[in-house]
Amino acid sequence: YIEWMEGQEEFRGIDWKWSDVPAGEALFPDLVVKEQAEIVSTGIQEKLDVQGQGGKHLTPEEFHQALEETPAEDVILLDVRNSYEYAIGHFQGAVDPQMRHTVQWQKYVRENAP
């Protein structure tokens, strides 16, 4: 692993740390790894078909072009990150749904969807 990483320019020179552990002894005996359905919980129970129901993926260039070509009154740019992340930086004119947690997204949609 380290040899491969050192072969990548952006990872050269890392000060690698490791510990030798006697055979059969666990380095972190209390470590538990679990599979999670979601990294960030949305609270949505039904399975979403992102590929089939999602919108068209745009490159940054296509996104910029779409914003330039669409009249401002026809654009709603909704920033679905939490309010802290929104405050750090967002697109000009983006709407902040005032969420502290991702699970609040469902409520925002119910209250604001046309």
PDB file of N, CA and C in Angstrom:
ATOM      1  N   TYR A   1       0.823  -1.184   0.000  1.00  0.00           N
ATOM      2  CA  TYR A   1       0.000   0.000   0.000  1.00  0.00           C
ATOM      3  C   TYR A   1       0.872   1.255   0.000  1.00  0.00           C
ATOM      4  N   ILE A   2       1.807   1.300   0.923  1.00  0.00           N
ATOM      5  CA  ILE A   2       2.679   2.476   1.023  1.00  0.00           C
ATOM      6  C   ILE A   2       3.489   2.649  -0.256  1.00  0.00           C
ATOM      7  N   GLU A   3       3.986   1.535  -0.791  1.00  0.00           N
ATOM      8  CA  GLU A   3       4.759   1.605  -2.030  1.00  0.00           C
ATOM      9  C   GLU A   3       3.916   2.190  -3.162  1.00  0.00           C
ATOM     10  N   TRP A   4       2.667   1.747  -3.270  1.00  0.00           N
ATOM     11  CA  TRP A   4       1.780   2.278  -4.310  1.00  0.00           C
ATOM     12  C   TRP A   4       1.520   3.764  -4.083  1.00  0.00           C
ATOM     13  N   MET A   5       1.221   4.132  -2.822  1.00  0.00           N
ATOM     14  CA  MET A   5       0.943   5.542  -2.505  1.00  0.00           C
ATOM     15  C   MET A   5       2.147   6.424  -2.828  1.00  0.00           C
ATOM     16  N   GLU A   6       3.340   5.974  -2.470  1.00  0.00           N
ATOM     17  CA  GLU A   6       4.556   6.743  -2.748  1.00  0.00           C
ATOM     18  C   GLU A   6       4.780   6.891  -4.255  1.00  0.00           C
ATOM     19  N   GLY A   7       4.203   5.978  -5.052  1.00  0.00           N
ATOM     20  CA  GLY A   7       4.303   6.071  -6.501  1.00  0.00           C
ATOM     21  C   GLY A   7       3.421   7.150  -7.095  1.00  0.00           C
ATOM     22  N   GLN A   8       2.511   7.699  -6.292  1.00  0.00           N
ATOM     23  CA  GLN A   8       1.620   8.768  -6.736  1.00  0.00           C
ATOM     24  C   GLN A   8       2.233  10.102  -6.306  1.00  0.00           C
ATOM     25  N   GLU A   9       2.416  10.998  -7.242  1.00  0.00           N
ATOM     26  CA  GLU A   9       3.111  12.255  -6.959  1.00  0.00           C
ATOM     27  C   GLU A   9       2.530  13.015  -5.769  1.00  0.00           C
ATOM     28  N   GLU A  10       1.206  13.075  -5.689  1.00  0.00           N
ATOM     29  CA  GLU A  10       0.578  13.876  -4.628  1.00  0.00           C
ATOM     30  C   GLU A  10       0.757  13.283  -3.231  1.00  0.00           C
ATOM     31  N   PHE A  11       1.198  12.015  -3.133  1.00  0.00           N
ATOM     32  CA  PHE A  11       1.369  11.381  -1.825  1.00  0.00           C
ATOM     33  C   PHE A  11       2.828  11.147  -1.463  1.00  0.00           C
ATOM     34  N   ARG A  12       3.757  11.561  -2.301  1.00  0.00           N
ATOM     35  CA  ARG A  12       5.172  11.355  -2.002  1.00  0.00           C
ATOM     36  C   ARG A  12       5.584  12.175  -0.797  1.00  0.00           C
ATOM     37  N   GLY A  13       6.432  11.596   0.036  1.00  0.00           N
ATOM     38  CA  GLY A  13       6.979  12.327   1.177  1.00  0.00           C
ATOM     39  C   GLY A  13       6.127  12.285   2.428  1.00  0.00           C
ATOM     40  N   ILE A  14       5.067  11.487   2.440  1.00  0.00           N
ATOM     41  CA  ILE A  14       4.241  11.374   3.643  1.00  0.00           C
ATOM     42  C   ILE A  14       5.055  10.708   4.744  1.00  0.00           C
ATOM     43  N   ASP A  15       4.950  11.212   5.953  1.00  0.00           N
ATOM     44  CA  ASP A  15       5.619  10.614   7.113  1.00  0.00           C
ATOM     45  C   ASP A  15       4.702   9.511   7.646  1.00  0.00           C
ATOM     46  N   TRP A  16       4.877   8.282   7.130  1.00  0.00           N
ATOM     47  CA  TRP A  16       4.009   7.158   7.461  1.00  0.00           C
ATOM     48  C   TRP A  16       4.223   6.712   8.898  1.00  0.00           C
ATOM     49  N   LYS A  17       3.158   6.412   9.604  1.00  0.00           N
ATOM     50  CA  LYS A  17       3.211   5.902  10.976  1.00  0.00           C
ATOM     51  C   LYS A  17       2.604   4.507  10.997  1.00  0.00           C
ATOM     52  N   TRP A  18       3.191   3.597  11.757  1.00  0.00           N
ATOM     53  CA  TRP A  18       2.629   2.271  11.935  1.00  0.00           C
ATOM     54  C   TRP A  18       3.136   1.685  13.232  1.00  0.00           C
ATOM     55  N   SER A  19       2.463   0.653  13.686  1.00  0.00           N
ATOM     56  CA  SER A  19       2.837  -0.045  14.914  1.00  0.00           C
ATOM     57  C   SER A  19       2.937  -1.530  14.621  1.00  0.00           C
ATOM     58  N   ASP A  20       3.959  -2.150  15.149  1.00  0.00           N
ATOM     59  CA  ASP A  20       4.085  -3.598  15.039  1.00  0.00           C
ATOM     60  C   ASP A  20       3.303  -4.228  16.178  1.00  0.00           C
ATOM     61  N   VAL A  21       2.463  -5.196  15.848  1.00  0.00           N
ATOM     62  CA  VAL A  21       1.621  -5.858  16.837  1.00  0.00           C
ATOM     63  C   VAL A  21       1.971  -7.341  16.820  1.00  0.00           C
ATOM     64  N   PRO A  22       2.162  -7.932  17.990  1.00  0.00           N
ATOM     65  CA  PRO A  22       2.443  -9.375  18.022  1.00  0.00           C
ATOM     66  C   PRO A  22       1.336 -10.160  17.331  1.00  0.00           C
ATOM     67  N   ALA A  23       1.704 -11.247  16.665  1.00  0.00           N
ATOM     68  CA  ALA A  23       0.741 -12.076  15.934  1.00  0.00           C
ATOM     69  C   ALA A  23      -0.414 -12.479  16.840  1.00  0.00           C
ATOM     70  N   GLY A  24      -1.624 -12.373  16.323  1.00  0.00           N
ATOM     71  CA  GLY A  24      -2.814 -12.777  17.062  1.00  0.00           C
ATOM     72  C   GLY A  24      -3.335 -11.721  18.022  1.00  0.00           C
ATOM     73  N   GLU A  25      -2.636 -10.611  18.164  1.00  0.00           N
ATOM     74  CA  GLU A  25      -3.081  -9.560  19.089  1.00  0.00           C
ATOM     75  C   GLU A  25      -3.690  -8.411  18.290  1.00  0.00           C
ATOM     76  N   ALA A  26      -4.825  -7.935  18.713  1.00  0.00           N
ATOM     77  CA  ALA A  26      -5.510  -6.853  18.007  1.00  0.00           C
ATOM     78  C   ALA A  26      -4.922  -5.506  18.419  1.00  0.00           C
ATOM     79  N   LEU A  27      -4.627  -4.659  17.438  1.00  0.00           N
ATOM     80  CA  LEU A  27      -4.101  -3.328  17.728  1.00  0.00           C
ATOM     81  C   LEU A  27      -5.161  -2.467  18.414  1.00  0.00           C
ATOM     82  N   PHE A  28      -6.398  -2.567  17.939  1.00  0.00           N
ATOM     83  CA  PHE A  28      -7.520  -1.832  18.525  1.00  0.00           C
ATOM     84  C   PHE A  28      -8.599  -2.849  18.888  1.00  0.00           C
ATOM     85  N   PRO A  29      -8.522  -3.460  20.048  1.00  0.00           N
ATOM     86  CA  PRO A  29      -9.439  -4.556  20.382  1.00  0.00           C
ATOM     87  C   PRO A  29     -10.912  -4.146  20.443  1.00  0.00           C
ATOM     88  N   ASP A  30     -11.197  -2.894  20.687  1.00  0.00           N
ATOM     89  CA  ASP A  30     -12.587  -2.452  20.786  1.00  0.00           C
ATOM     90  C   ASP A  30     -13.129  -1.899  19.468  1.00  0.00           C
ATOM     91  N   LEU A  31     -12.313  -1.902  18.412  1.00  0.00           N
ATOM     92  CA  LEU A  31     -12.737  -1.366  17.130  1.00  0.00           C
ATOM     93  C   LEU A  31     -13.846  -2.214  16.523  1.00  0.00           C
ATOM     94  N   VAL A  32     -14.921  -1.550  16.084  1.00  0.00           N
ATOM     95  CA  VAL A  32     -16.037  -2.212  15.428  1.00  0.00           C
ATOM     96  C   VAL A  32     -16.299  -1.472  14.120  1.00  0.00           C
ATOM     97  N   VAL A  33     -16.418  -2.210  13.043  1.00  0.00           N
ATOM     98  CA  VAL A  33     -16.735  -1.629  11.734  1.00  0.00           C
ATOM     99  C   VAL A  33     -18.095  -2.160  11.328  1.00  0.00           C
ATOM    100  N   LYS A  34     -19.003  -1.243  11.031  1.00  0.00           N
ATOM    101  CA  LYS A  34     -20.359  -1.629  10.641  1.00  0.00           C
ATOM    102  C   LYS A  34     -20.702  -1.018   9.295  1.00  0.00           C
ATOM    103  N   GLU A  35     -21.474  -1.745   8.514  1.00  0.00           N
ATOM    104  CA  GLU A  35     -21.979  -1.208   7.248  1.00  0.00           C
ATOM    105  C   GLU A  35     -23.196  -0.338   7.559  1.00  0.00           C
ATOM    106  N   GLN A  36     -23.240   0.842   6.935  1.00  0.00           N
ATOM    107  CA  GLN A  36     -24.355   1.752   7.117  1.00  0.00           C
ATOM    108  C   GLN A  36     -25.050   1.961   5.779  1.00  0.00           C
ATOM    109  N   ALA A  37     -26.351   2.071   5.816  1.00  0.00           N
ATOM    110  CA  ALA A  37     -27.110   2.302   4.582  1.00  0.00           C
ATOM    111  C   ALA A  37     -26.825   3.688   4.023  1.00  0.00           C
ATOM    112  N   GLU A  38     -26.602   4.658   4.897  1.00  0.00           N
ATOM    113  CA  GLU A  38     -26.332   6.033   4.480  1.00  0.00           C
ATOM    114  C   GLU A  38     -25.183   6.583   5.308  1.00  0.00           C
ATOM    115  N   ILE A  39     -24.339   7.377   4.698  1.00  0.00           N
ATOM    116  CA  ILE A  39     -23.281   8.048   5.446  1.00  0.00           C
ATOM    117  C   ILE A  39     -23.894   9.205   6.223  1.00  0.00           C
ATOM    118  N   VAL A  40     -24.736   9.979   5.556  1.00  0.00           N
ATOM    119  CA  VAL A  40     -25.457  11.076   6.195  1.00  0.00           C
ATOM    120  C   VAL A  40     -26.933  10.728   6.103  1.00  0.00           C
ATOM    121  N   SER A  41     -27.583  10.548   7.231  1.00  0.00           N
ATOM    122  CA  SER A  41     -28.972  10.110   7.233  1.00  0.00           C
ATOM    123  C   SER A  41     -29.903  11.216   6.759  1.00  0.00           C
ATOM    124  N   THR A  42     -30.795  10.842   5.831  1.00  0.00           N
ATOM    125  CA  THR A  42     -31.805  11.781   5.351  1.00  0.00           C
ATOM    126  C   THR A  42     -33.145  11.536   6.031  1.00  0.00           C
ATOM    127  N   GLY A  43     -33.265  10.390   6.687  1.00  0.00           N
ATOM    128  CA  GLY A  43     -34.530  10.033   7.311  1.00  0.00           C
ATOM    129  C   GLY A  43     -35.533   9.466   6.333  1.00  0.00           C
ATOM    130  N   ILE A  44     -35.168   9.338   5.069  1.00  0.00           N
ATOM    131  CA  ILE A  44     -36.067   8.803   4.045  1.00  0.00           C
ATOM    132  C   ILE A  44     -36.030   7.284   4.126  1.00  0.00           C
ATOM    133  N   GLN A  45     -37.190   6.671   4.288  1.00  0.00           N
ATOM    134  CA  GLN A  45     -37.269   5.228   4.461  1.00  0.00           C
ATOM    135  C   GLN A  45     -37.284   4.461   3.142  1.00  0.00           C
ATOM    136  N   GLU A  46     -38.010   4.975   2.149  1.00  0.00           N
ATOM    137  CA  GLU A  46     -38.113   4.247   0.891  1.00  0.00           C
ATOM    138  C   GLU A  46     -36.808   4.355   0.101  1.00  0.00           C
ATOM    139  N   LYS A  47     -36.543   3.341  -0.706  1.00  0.00           N
ATOM    140  CA  LYS A  47     -35.339   3.316  -1.526  1.00  0.00           C
ATOM    141  C   LYS A  47     -35.490   4.319  -2.658  1.00  0.00           C
ATOM    142  N   LEU A  48     -34.493   5.158  -2.844  1.00  0.00           N
ATOM    143  CA  LEU A  48     -34.530   6.164  -3.895  1.00  0.00           C
ATOM    144  C   LEU A  48     -33.818   5.643  -5.140  1.00  0.00           C
ATOM    145  N   ASP A  49     -34.392   5.906  -6.297  1.00  0.00           N
ATOM    146  CA  ASP A  49     -33.772   5.545  -7.569  1.00  0.00           C
ATOM    147  C   ASP A  49     -33.120   6.804  -8.126  1.00  0.00           C
ATOM    148  N   VAL A  50     -31.921   7.096  -7.640  1.00  0.00           N
ATOM    149  CA  VAL A  50     -31.239   8.327  -8.027  1.00  0.00           C
ATOM    150  C   VAL A  50     -30.942   8.336  -9.523  1.00  0.00           C
ATOM    151  N   GLN A  51     -30.521   7.195 -10.066  1.00  0.00           N
ATOM    152  CA  GLN A  51     -30.210   7.137 -11.491  1.00  0.00           C
ATOM    153  C   GLN A  51     -31.453   7.345 -12.351  1.00  0.00           C
ATOM    154  N   GLY A  52     -32.556   6.699 -11.980  1.00  0.00           N
ATOM    155  CA  GLY A  52     -33.770   6.776 -12.785  1.00  0.00           C
ATOM    156  C   GLY A  52     -34.604   8.020 -12.545  1.00  0.00           C
ATOM    157  N   GLN A  53     -34.585   8.541 -11.317  1.00  0.00           N
ATOM    158  CA  GLN A  53     -35.443   9.675 -10.975  1.00  0.00           C
ATOM    159  C   GLN A  53     -34.690  10.987 -10.817  1.00  0.00           C
ATOM    160  N   GLY A  54     -33.364  10.923 -10.787  1.00  0.00           N
ATOM    161  CA  GLY A  54     -32.573  12.134 -10.600  1.00  0.00           C
ATOM    162  C   GLY A  54     -32.511  12.972 -11.861  1.00  0.00           C
ATOM    163  N   GLY A  55     -31.982  14.147 -11.716  1.00  0.00           N
ATOM    164  CA  GLY A  55     -31.832  15.041 -12.855  1.00  0.00           C
ATOM    165  C   GLY A  55     -30.600  14.689 -13.673  1.00  0.00           C
ATOM    166  N   LYS A  56     -30.316  15.505 -14.655  1.00  0.00           N
ATOM    167  CA  LYS A  56     -29.166  15.294 -15.536  1.00  0.00           C
ATOM    168  C   LYS A  56     -27.918  15.827 -14.840  1.00  0.00           C
ATOM    169  N   HIS A  57     -26.865  15.011 -14.812  1.00  0.00           N
ATOM    170  CA  HIS A  57     -25.594  15.453 -14.237  1.00  0.00           C
ATOM    171  C   HIS A  57     -24.955  16.469 -15.174  1.00  0.00           C
ATOM    172  N   LEU A  58     -24.509  17.593 -14.611  1.00  0.00           N
ATOM    173  CA  LEU A  58     -23.854  18.628 -15.404  1.00  0.00           C
ATOM    174  C   LEU A  58     -22.404  18.773 -14.974  1.00  0.00           C
ATOM    175  N   THR A  59     -21.544  18.989 -15.937  1.00  0.00           N
ATOM    176  CA  THR A  59     -20.164  19.340 -15.604  1.00  0.00           C
ATOM    177  C   THR A  59     -20.192  20.771 -15.064  1.00  0.00           C
ATOM    178  N   PRO A  60     -19.156  21.212 -14.391  1.00  0.00           N
ATOM    179  CA  PRO A  60     -19.130  22.617 -13.942  1.00  0.00           C
ATOM    180  C   PRO A  60     -19.341  23.598 -15.099  1.00  0.00           C
ATOM    181  N   GLU A  61     -18.777  23.292 -16.250  1.00  0.00           N
ATOM    182  CA  GLU A  61     -18.942  24.174 -17.407  1.00  0.00           C
ATOM    183  C   GLU A  61     -20.393  24.200 -17.889  1.00  0.00           C
ATOM    184  N   GLU A  62     -21.032  23.034 -17.929  1.00  0.00           N
ATOM    185  CA  GLU A  62     -22.436  22.968 -18.348  1.00  0.00           C
ATOM    186  C   GLU A  62     -23.338  23.690 -17.342  1.00  0.00           C
ATOM    187  N   PHE A  63     -23.027  23.545 -16.049  1.00  0.00           N
ATOM    188  CA  PHE A  63     -23.801  24.216 -15.008  1.00  0.00           C
ATOM    189  C   PHE A  63     -23.694  25.730 -15.173  1.00  0.00           C
ATOM    190  N   HIS A  64     -22.482  26.224 -15.354  1.00  0.00           N
ATOM    191  CA  HIS A  64     -22.267  27.658 -15.533  1.00  0.00           C
ATOM    192  C   HIS A  64     -23.016  28.163 -16.768  1.00  0.00           C
ATOM    193  N   GLN A  65     -22.937  27.391 -17.860  1.00  0.00           N
ATOM    194  CA  GLN A  65     -23.623  27.776 -19.091  1.00  0.00           C
ATOM    195  C   GLN A  65     -25.139  27.821 -18.879  1.00  0.00           C
ATOM    196  N   ALA A  66     -25.674  26.828 -18.170  1.00  0.00           N
ATOM    197  CA  ALA A  66     -27.121  26.799 -17.904  1.00  0.00           C
ATOM    198  C   ALA A  66     -27.545  28.017 -17.091  1.00  0.00           C
ATOM    199  N   LEU A  67     -26.735  28.397 -16.110  1.00  0.00           N
ATOM    200  CA  LEU A  67     -27.057  29.592 -15.311  1.00  0.00           C
ATOM    201  C   LEU A  67     -27.017  30.850 -16.172  1.00  0.00           C
ATOM    202  N   GLU A  68     -26.034  30.925 -17.059  1.00  0.00           N
ATOM    203  CA  GLU A  68     -25.897  32.097 -17.928  1.00  0.00           C
ATOM    204  C   GLU A  68     -27.054  32.216 -18.917  1.00  0.00           C
ATOM    205  N   GLU A  69     -27.542  31.074 -19.419  1.00  0.00           N
ATOM    206  CA  GLU A  69     -28.559  31.075 -20.479  1.00  0.00           C
ATOM    207  C   GLU A  69     -29.991  31.125 -19.954  1.00  0.00           C
ATOM    208  N   THR A  70     -30.180  30.899 -18.666  1.00  0.00           N
ATOM    209  CA  THR A  70     -31.531  30.851 -18.098  1.00  0.00           C
ATOM    210  C   THR A  70     -31.851  32.178 -17.434  1.00  0.00           C
ATOM    211  N   PRO A  71     -33.010  32.757 -17.733  1.00  0.00           N
ATOM    212  CA  PRO A  71     -33.381  34.016 -17.077  1.00  0.00           C
ATOM    213  C   PRO A  71     -33.399  33.857 -15.550  1.00  0.00           C
ATOM    214  N   ALA A  72     -32.881  34.833 -14.845  1.00  0.00           N
ATOM    215  CA  ALA A  72     -32.743  34.764 -13.382  1.00  0.00           C
ATOM    216  C   ALA A  72     -34.055  34.420 -12.689  1.00  0.00           C
ATOM    217  N   GLU A  73     -35.190  34.923 -13.218  1.00  0.00           N
ATOM    218  CA  GLU A  73     -36.479  34.647 -12.567  1.00  0.00           C
ATOM    219  C   GLU A  73     -36.902  33.187 -12.727  1.00  0.00           C
ATOM    220  N   ASP A  74     -36.235  32.437 -13.602  1.00  0.00           N
ATOM    221  CA  ASP A  74     -36.544  31.025 -13.806  1.00  0.00           C
ATOM    222  C   ASP A  74     -35.585  30.092 -13.056  1.00  0.00           C
ATOM    223  N   VAL A  75     -34.680  30.662 -12.276  1.00  0.00           N
ATOM    224  CA  VAL A  75     -33.669  29.857 -11.573  1.00  0.00           C
ATOM    225  C   VAL A  75     -33.908  29.913 -10.072  1.00  0.00           C
ATOM    226  N   ILE A  76     -33.965  28.750  -9.454  1.00  0.00           N
ATOM    227  CA  ILE A  76     -33.949  28.642  -8.002  1.00  0.00           C
ATOM    228  C   ILE A  76     -32.780  27.731  -7.670  1.00  0.00           C
ATOM    229  N   LEU A  77     -31.776  28.282  -7.042  1.00  0.00           N
ATOM    230  CA  LEU A  77     -30.591  27.521  -6.665  1.00  0.00           C
ATOM    231  C   LEU A  77     -30.691  27.251  -5.172  1.00  0.00           C
ATOM    232  N   LEU A  78     -30.999  26.011  -4.823  1.00  0.00           N
ATOM    233  CA  LEU A  78     -31.252  25.627  -3.441  1.00  0.00           C
ATOM    234  C   LEU A  78     -30.027  24.919  -2.873  1.00  0.00           C
ATOM    235  N   ASP A  79     -29.427  25.496  -1.851  1.00  0.00           N
ATOM    236  CA  ASP A  79     -28.241  24.921  -1.210  1.00  0.00           C
ATOM    237  C   ASP A  79     -28.719  23.996  -0.104  1.00  0.00           C
ATOM    238  N   VAL A  80     -28.579  22.688  -0.297  1.00  0.00           N
ATOM    239  CA  VAL A  80     -29.149  21.725   0.643  1.00  0.00           C
ATOM    240  C   VAL A  80     -28.172  21.315   1.751  1.00  0.00           C
ATOM    241  N   ARG A  81     -27.063  22.028   1.872  1.00  0.00           N
ATOM    242  CA  ARG A  81     -26.154  21.773   2.998  1.00  0.00           C
ATOM    243  C   ARG A  81     -26.721  22.449   4.243  1.00  0.00           C
ATOM    244  N   ASN A  82     -26.108  22.183   5.379  1.00  0.00           N
ATOM    245  CA  ASN A  82     -26.619  22.828   6.591  1.00  0.00           C
ATOM    246  C   ASN A  82     -26.253  24.312   6.592  1.00  0.00           C
ATOM    247  N   SER A  83     -26.879  25.063   7.474  1.00  0.00           N
ATOM    248  CA  SER A  83     -26.707  26.515   7.492  1.00  0.00           C
ATOM    249  C   SER A  83     -25.276  26.943   7.785  1.00  0.00           C
ATOM    250  N   TYR A  84     -24.564  26.167   8.589  1.00  0.00           N
ATOM    251  CA  TYR A  84     -23.157  26.481   8.868  1.00  0.00           C
ATOM    252  C   TYR A  84     -22.343  26.428   7.579  1.00  0.00           C
ATOM    253  N   GLU A  85     -22.525  25.351   6.798  1.00  0.00           N
ATOM    254  CA  GLU A  85     -21.799  25.215   5.537  1.00  0.00           C
ATOM    255  C   GLU A  85     -22.213  26.305   4.551  1.00  0.00           C
ATOM    256  N   TYR A  86     -23.498  26.641   4.556  1.00  0.00           N
ATOM    257  CA  TYR A  86     -23.987  27.714   3.686  1.00  0.00           C
ATOM    258  C   TYR A  86     -23.293  29.025   4.039  1.00  0.00           C
ATOM    259  N   ALA A  87     -23.158  29.301   5.330  1.00  0.00           N
ATOM    260  CA  ALA A  87     -22.543  30.552   5.781  1.00  0.00           C
ATOM    261  C   ALA A  87     -21.079  30.639   5.366  1.00  0.00           C
ATOM    262  N   ILE A  88     -20.402  29.510   5.304  1.00  0.00           N
ATOM    263  CA  ILE A  88     -18.991  29.500   4.910  1.00  0.00           C
ATOM    264  C   ILE A  88     -18.840  29.912   3.448  1.00  0.00           C
ATOM    265  N   GLY A  89     -19.765  29.479   2.611  1.00  0.00           N
ATOM    266  CA  GLY A  89     -19.695  29.845   1.202  1.00  0.00           C
ATOM    267  C   GLY A  89     -20.805  29.199   0.403  1.00  0.00           C
ATOM    268  N   HIS A  90     -21.341  29.951  -0.527  1.00  0.00           N
ATOM    269  CA  HIS A  90     -22.433  29.452  -1.370  1.00  0.00           C
ATOM    270  C   HIS A  90     -22.464  30.251  -2.672  1.00  0.00           C
ATOM    271  N   PHE A  91     -23.217  29.728  -3.645  1.00  0.00           N
ATOM    272  CA  PHE A  91     -23.393  30.456  -4.888  1.00  0.00           C
ATOM    273  C   PHE A  91     -24.220  31.710  -4.635  1.00  0.00           C
ATOM    274  N   GLN A  92     -23.896  32.781  -5.353  1.00  0.00           N
ATOM    275  CA  GLN A  92     -24.648  34.022  -5.229  1.00  0.00           C
ATOM    276  C   GLN A  92     -26.118  33.768  -5.537  1.00  0.00           C
ATOM    277  N   GLY A  93     -26.998  34.207  -4.659  1.00  0.00           N
ATOM    278  CA  GLY A  93     -28.431  34.054  -4.851  1.00  0.00           C
ATOM    279  C   GLY A  93     -28.993  32.714  -4.407  1.00  0.00           C
ATOM    280  N   ALA A  94     -28.138  31.825  -3.898  1.00  0.00           N
ATOM    281  CA  ALA A  94     -28.621  30.513  -3.452  1.00  0.00           C
ATOM    282  C   ALA A  94     -29.519  30.665  -2.232  1.00  0.00           C
ATOM    283  N   VAL A  95     -30.544  29.829  -2.160  1.00  0.00           N
ATOM    284  CA  VAL A  95     -31.485  29.828  -1.042  1.00  0.00           C
ATOM    285  C   VAL A  95     -30.944  28.915   0.058  1.00  0.00           C
ATOM    286  N   ASP A  96     -30.963  29.406   1.288  1.00  0.00           N
ATOM    287  CA  ASP A  96     -30.564  28.614   2.452  1.00  0.00           C
ATOM    288  C   ASP A  96     -31.831  28.098   3.123  1.00  0.00           C
ATOM    289  N   PRO A  97     -32.084  26.770   3.106  1.00  0.00           N
ATOM    290  CA  PRO A  97     -33.295  26.238   3.729  1.00  0.00           C
ATOM    291  C   PRO A  97     -33.254  26.246   5.259  1.00  0.00           C
ATOM    292  N   GLN A  98     -32.186  26.807   5.838  1.00  0.00           N
ATOM    293  CA  GLN A  98     -32.079  26.938   7.298  1.00  0.00           C
ATOM    294  C   GLN A  98     -32.118  25.589   8.010  1.00  0.00           C
ATOM    295  N   MET A  99     -31.371  24.627   7.498  1.00  0.00           N
ATOM    296  CA  MET A  99     -31.332  23.300   8.123  1.00  0.00           C
ATOM    297  C   MET A  99     -30.093  23.174   8.995  1.00  0.00           C
ATOM    298  N   ARG A 100     -30.270  22.582  10.167  1.00  0.00           N
ATOM    299  CA  ARG A 100     -29.122  22.249  11.018  1.00  0.00           C
ATOM    300  C   ARG A 100     -28.697  20.812  10.779  1.00  0.00           C
ATOM    301  N   HIS A 101     -29.657  19.961  10.367  1.00  0.00           N
ATOM    302  CA  HIS A 101     -29.399  18.542  10.145  1.00  0.00           C
ATOM    303  C   HIS A 101     -30.068  18.107   8.841  1.00  0.00           C
ATOM    304  N   THR A 102     -29.459  17.155   8.175  1.00  0.00           N
ATOM    305  CA  THR A 102     -29.968  16.670   6.892  1.00  0.00           C
ATOM    306  C   THR A 102     -31.380  16.105   7.006  1.00  0.00           C
ATOM    307  N   VAL A 103     -31.718  15.520   8.143  1.00  0.00           N
ATOM    308  CA  VAL A 103     -33.059  14.948   8.291  1.00  0.00           C
ATOM    309  C   VAL A 103     -34.151  16.014   8.206  1.00  0.00           C
ATOM    310  N   GLN A 104     -33.801  17.283   8.344  1.00  0.00           N
ATOM    311  CA  GLN A 104     -34.780  18.362   8.221  1.00  0.00           C
ATOM    312  C   GLN A 104     -35.174  18.625   6.768  1.00  0.00           C
ATOM    313  N   TRP A 105     -34.462  18.010   5.825  1.00  0.00           N
ATOM    314  CA  TRP A 105     -34.733  18.202   4.405  1.00  0.00           C
ATOM    315  C   TRP A 105     -36.159  17.810   4.039  1.00  0.00           C
ATOM    316  N   GLN A 106     -36.637  16.670   4.553  1.00  0.00           N
ATOM    317  CA  GLN A 106     -38.001  16.222   4.225  1.00  0.00           C
ATOM    318  C   GLN A 106     -39.039  17.262   4.613  1.00  0.00           C
ATOM    319  N   LYS A 107     -38.900  17.817   5.799  1.00  0.00           N
ATOM    320  CA  LYS A 107     -39.855  18.831   6.270  1.00  0.00           C
ATOM    321  C   LYS A 107     -39.805  20.064   5.368  1.00  0.00           C
ATOM    322  N   TYR A 108     -38.615  20.495   5.006  1.00  0.00           N
ATOM    323  CA  TYR A 108     -38.471  21.665   4.121  1.00  0.00           C
ATOM    324  C   TYR A 108     -39.192  21.416   2.792  1.00  0.00           C
ATOM    325  N   VAL A 109     -39.004  20.236   2.216  1.00  0.00           N
ATOM    326  CA  VAL A 109     -39.650  19.899   0.943  1.00  0.00           C
ATOM    327  C   VAL A 109     -41.156  19.902   1.100  1.00  0.00           C
ATOM    328  N   ARG A 110     -41.666  19.239   2.153  1.00  0.00           N
ATOM    329  CA  ARG A 110     -43.127  19.198   2.371  1.00  0.00           C
ATOM    330  C   ARG A 110     -43.710  20.599   2.484  1.00  0.00           C
ATOM    331  N   GLU A 111     -43.010  21.489   3.158  1.00  0.00           N
ATOM    332  CA  GLU A 111     -43.535  22.835   3.410  1.00  0.00           C
ATOM    333  C   GLU A 111     -43.330  23.794   2.234  1.00  0.00           C
ATOM    334  N   ASN A 112     -42.414  23.494   1.325  1.00  0.00           N
ATOM    335  CA  ASN A 112     -42.058  24.457   0.287  1.00  0.00           C
ATOM    336  C   ASN A 112     -42.211  23.974  -1.141  1.00  0.00           C
ATOM    337  N   ALA A 113     -42.450  22.692  -1.345  1.00  0.00           N
ATOM    338  CA  ALA A 113     -42.589  22.195  -2.727  1.00  0.00           C
ATOM    339  C   ALA A 113     -43.880  22.706  -3.348  1.00  0.00           C
ATOM    340  N   PRO A 114     -43.839  22.990  -4.653  1.00  0.00           N
ATOM    341  CA  PRO A 114     -45.064  23.483  -5.303  1.00  0.00           C
ATOM    342  C   PRO A 114     -46.122  22.403  -5.411  1.00  0.00           C
TER     343      PRO A 114
END
